[in-house]
C-alpha atoms as a PDB file:
ATOM      1  CA  MET A   1      -4.436 -21.963  76.997  1.00  0.00           C
ATOM      2  CA  ASN A   2      -6.932 -19.861  75.029  1.00  0.00           C
ATOM      3  CA  LEU A   3      -5.332 -21.006  71.769  1.00  0.00           C
ATOM      4  CA  ILE A   4      -5.952 -24.653  72.686  1.00  0.00           C
ATOM      5  CA  ARG A   5      -9.604 -23.922  73.433  1.00  0.00           C
ATOM      6  CA  TYR A   6      -9.955 -22.037  70.160  1.00  0.00           C
ATOM      7  CA  VAL A   7      -8.418 -24.894  68.138  1.00  0.00           C
ATOM      8  CA  PHE A   8     -10.616 -27.430  69.948  1.00  0.00           C
ATOM      9  CA  PHE A   9     -13.741 -25.352  69.220  1.00  0.00           C
ATOM     10  CA  ILE A  10     -12.839 -25.016  65.527  1.00  0.00           C
ATOM     11  CA  ALA A  11     -12.216 -28.776  65.295  1.00  0.00           C
ATOM     12  CA  ILE A  12     -15.647 -29.519  66.802  1.00  0.00           C
ATOM     13  CA  LEU A  13     -17.342 -27.145  64.366  1.00  0.00           C
ATOM     14  CA  TRP A  14     -15.466 -28.688  61.458  1.00  0.00           C
ATOM     15  CA  LEU A  15     -16.493 -32.206  62.497  1.00  0.00           C
ATOM     16  CA  ALA A  16     -20.106 -31.126  62.881  1.00  0.00           C
ATOM     17  CA  SER A  17     -20.194 -29.910  59.289  1.00  0.00           C
ATOM     18  CA  CYS A  18     -18.613 -33.009  57.737  1.00  0.00           C
ATOM     19  CA  THR A  19     -20.518 -35.384  55.494  1.00  0.00           C
ATOM     20  CA  TRP A  20     -20.037 -38.909  56.758  1.00  0.00           C
ATOM     21  CA  VAL A  21     -22.268 -40.788  54.303  1.00  0.00           C
ATOM     22  CA  GLU A  22     -21.249 -41.351  50.700  1.00  0.00           C
ATOM     23  CA  PRO A  23     -23.666 -42.461  47.967  1.00  0.00           C
ATOM     24  CA  THR A  24     -23.028 -45.738  46.207  1.00  0.00           C
ATOM     25  CA  LYS A  25     -23.026 -45.769  42.414  1.00  0.00           C
ATOM     26  CA  GLU A  26     -26.408 -47.494  42.430  1.00  0.00           C
ATOM     27  CA  GLY A  27     -27.753 -45.288  45.226  1.00  0.00           C
ATOM     28  CA  SER A  28     -26.971 -42.131  43.281  1.00  0.00           C
ATOM     29  CA  GLU A  29     -29.449 -43.295  40.610  1.00  0.00           C
ATOM     30  CA  VAL A  30     -32.369 -43.556  43.081  1.00  0.00           C
ATOM     31  CA  LEU A  31     -34.773 -40.607  43.087  1.00  0.00           C
ATOM     32  CA  LEU A  32     -36.392 -38.891  46.054  1.00  0.00           C
ATOM     33  CA  VAL A  33     -39.966 -38.208  44.908  1.00  0.00           C
ATOM     34  CA  LYS A  34     -43.350 -37.178  46.283  1.00  0.00           C
ATOM     35  CA  ALA A  35     -46.046 -39.763  47.030  1.00  0.00           C
ATOM     36  CA  PHE A  36     -48.147 -38.870  43.969  1.00  0.00           C
ATOM     37  CA  ASN A  37     -45.198 -39.842  41.728  1.00  0.00           C
ATOM     38  CA  VAL A  38     -45.312 -43.493  42.844  1.00  0.00           C
ATOM     39  CA  GLU A  39     -49.042 -44.226  42.559  1.00  0.00           C
ATOM     40  CA  THR A  40     -48.450 -46.802  39.799  1.00  0.00           C
ATOM     41  CA  CYS A  41     -45.190 -48.170  41.228  1.00  0.00           C
ATOM     42  CA  LYS A  42     -44.546 -51.335  43.222  1.00  0.00           C
ATOM     43  CA  LYS A  43     -43.760 -50.753  46.894  1.00  0.00           C
ATOM     44  CA  LEU A  44     -40.777 -52.855  47.952  1.00  0.00           C
ATOM     45  CA  GLY A  45     -40.700 -51.926  51.623  1.00  0.00           C
ATOM     46  CA  THR A  46     -39.581 -49.257  54.033  1.00  0.00           C
ATOM     47  CA  THR A  47     -36.338 -48.199  55.655  1.00  0.00           C
ATOM     48  CA  THR A  48     -35.400 -45.956  58.529  1.00  0.00           C
ATOM     49  CA  ALA A  49     -32.108 -44.114  58.186  1.00  0.00           C
ATOM     50  CA  THR A  50     -30.247 -42.857  61.241  1.00  0.00           C
ATOM     51  CA  VAL A  51     -27.175 -40.631  61.619  1.00  0.00           C
ATOM     52  CA  LYS A  52     -25.555 -38.621  64.407  1.00  0.00           C
ATOM     53  CA  HIS A  53     -27.355 -35.296  64.734  1.00  0.00           C
ATOM     54  CA  GLU A  54     -25.160 -34.133  67.603  1.00  0.00           C
ATOM     55  CA  ILE A  55     -21.431 -34.363  68.175  1.00  0.00           C
ATOM     56  CA  GLY A  56     -20.776 -33.706  71.820  1.00  0.00           C
ATOM     57  CA  ILE A  57     -22.471 -30.430  72.637  1.00  0.00           C
ATOM     58  CA  ILE A  58     -22.654 -29.313  68.996  1.00  0.00           C
ATOM     59  CA  THR A  59     -25.868 -29.904  67.036  1.00  0.00           C
ATOM     60  CA  ARG A  60     -25.191 -30.629  63.362  1.00  0.00           C
ATOM     61  CA  SER A  61     -26.825 -28.673  60.557  1.00  0.00           C
ATOM     62  CA  GLU A  62     -30.374 -29.896  59.894  1.00  0.00           C
ATOM     63  CA  GLU A  63     -29.736 -29.688  56.144  1.00  0.00           C
ATOM     64  CA  LYS A  64     -26.567 -31.804  56.368  1.00  0.00           C
ATOM     65  CA  VAL A  65     -28.272 -34.420  58.561  1.00  0.00           C
ATOM     66  CA  THR A  66     -31.257 -34.630  56.186  1.00  0.00           C
ATOM     67  CA  GLU A  67     -28.927 -34.915  53.190  1.00  0.00           C
ATOM     68  CA  GLU A  68     -27.136 -37.855  54.815  1.00  0.00           C
ATOM     69  CA  LEU A  69     -30.422 -39.557  55.750  1.00  0.00           C
ATOM     70  CA  ILE A  70     -31.608 -39.305  52.145  1.00  0.00           C
ATOM     71  CA  THR A  71     -28.297 -40.710  50.905  1.00  0.00           C
ATOM     72  CA  LEU A  72     -28.565 -43.681  53.279  1.00  0.00           C
ATOM     73  CA  ALA A  73     -32.147 -44.321  52.149  1.00  0.00           C
ATOM     74  CA  LYS A  74     -31.145 -44.160  48.480  1.00  0.00           C
ATOM     75  CA  ASN A  75     -28.314 -46.635  49.085  1.00  0.00           C
ATOM     76  CA  LYS A  76     -30.716 -49.014  50.863  1.00  0.00           C
ATOM     77  CA  ALA A  77     -33.321 -48.657  48.107  1.00  0.00           C
ATOM     78  CA  ALA A  78     -30.711 -49.578  45.512  1.00  0.00           C
ATOM     79  CA  GLU A  79     -29.759 -52.673  47.535  1.00  0.00           C
ATOM     80  CA  MET A  80     -33.446 -53.691  47.536  1.00  0.00           C
ATOM     81  CA  GLY A  81     -33.825 -53.122  43.780  1.00  0.00           C
ATOM     82  CA  GLY A  82     -35.755 -49.878  44.150  1.00  0.00           C
ATOM     83  CA  ASP A  83     -35.416 -46.773  42.041  1.00  0.00           C
ATOM     84  CA  SER A  84     -37.493 -44.268  44.052  1.00  0.00           C
ATOM     85  CA  ILE A  85     -37.969 -43.283  47.690  1.00  0.00           C
ATOM     86  CA  VAL A  86     -40.669 -41.241  49.413  1.00  0.00           C
ATOM     87  CA  ALA A  87     -40.044 -39.625  52.789  1.00  0.00           C
ATOM     88  CA  GLN A  88     -42.686 -40.550  55.377  1.00  0.00           C
ATOM     89  CA  GLY A  89     -42.069 -37.290  57.225  1.00  0.00           C
ATOM     90  CA  PRO A  90     -39.348 -34.860  58.240  1.00  0.00           C
ATOM     91  CA  ALA A  91     -36.123 -35.827  59.992  1.00  0.00           C
ATOM     92  CA  SER A  92     -36.284 -35.978  63.760  1.00  0.00           C
ATOM     93  CA  GLU A  93     -33.231 -36.287  66.013  1.00  0.00           C
ATOM     94  CA  GLY A  94     -31.129 -37.864  63.258  1.00  0.00           C
ATOM     95  CA  SER A  95     -33.742 -40.344  62.039  1.00  0.00           C
ATOM     96  CA  MET A  96     -36.048 -40.415  59.017  1.00  0.00           C
ATOM     97  CA  SER A  97     -38.242 -43.120  57.446  1.00  0.00           C
ATOM     98  CA  PHE A  98     -38.781 -43.746  53.754  1.00  0.00           C
ATOM     99  CA  ASP A  99     -40.940 -45.971  51.549  1.00  0.00           C
ATOM    100  CA  ILE A 100     -39.026 -47.720  48.768  1.00  0.00           C
ATOM    101  CA  TYR A 101     -40.538 -48.227  45.313  1.00  0.00           C
ATOM    102  CA  LYS A 102     -39.704 -49.805  41.975  1.00  0.00           C
ATOM    103  CA  CYS A 103     -41.178 -47.638  39.224  1.00  0.00           C
ATOM    104  CA  GLY A 104     -39.093 -48.593  36.196  1.00  0.00           C
ATOM    105  CA  GLU A 105     -38.957 -51.912  34.397  1.00  0.00           C
END
């Protein structure tokens, strides 16, 4: 019985550390920048990315969740024709908002 609990616990930890969001080809070309980098750029809009920050009773790594939120925002920016994103603030409970900009030609 203890072996089953151990295997279950390891499986939960493994799932909590997985990356679920993959960058698109276009999304991987979008840059995460600071607000001062986009002063001369055209703002295209905003997006709010959301991912699971908890799986059952396990809270996922803050770094992994933030990484996935940024990837989602980059993918969305690419869909909108943007090439840069600026975070509006830190991630909170699996959610993060970004401004989307077009800085290049």
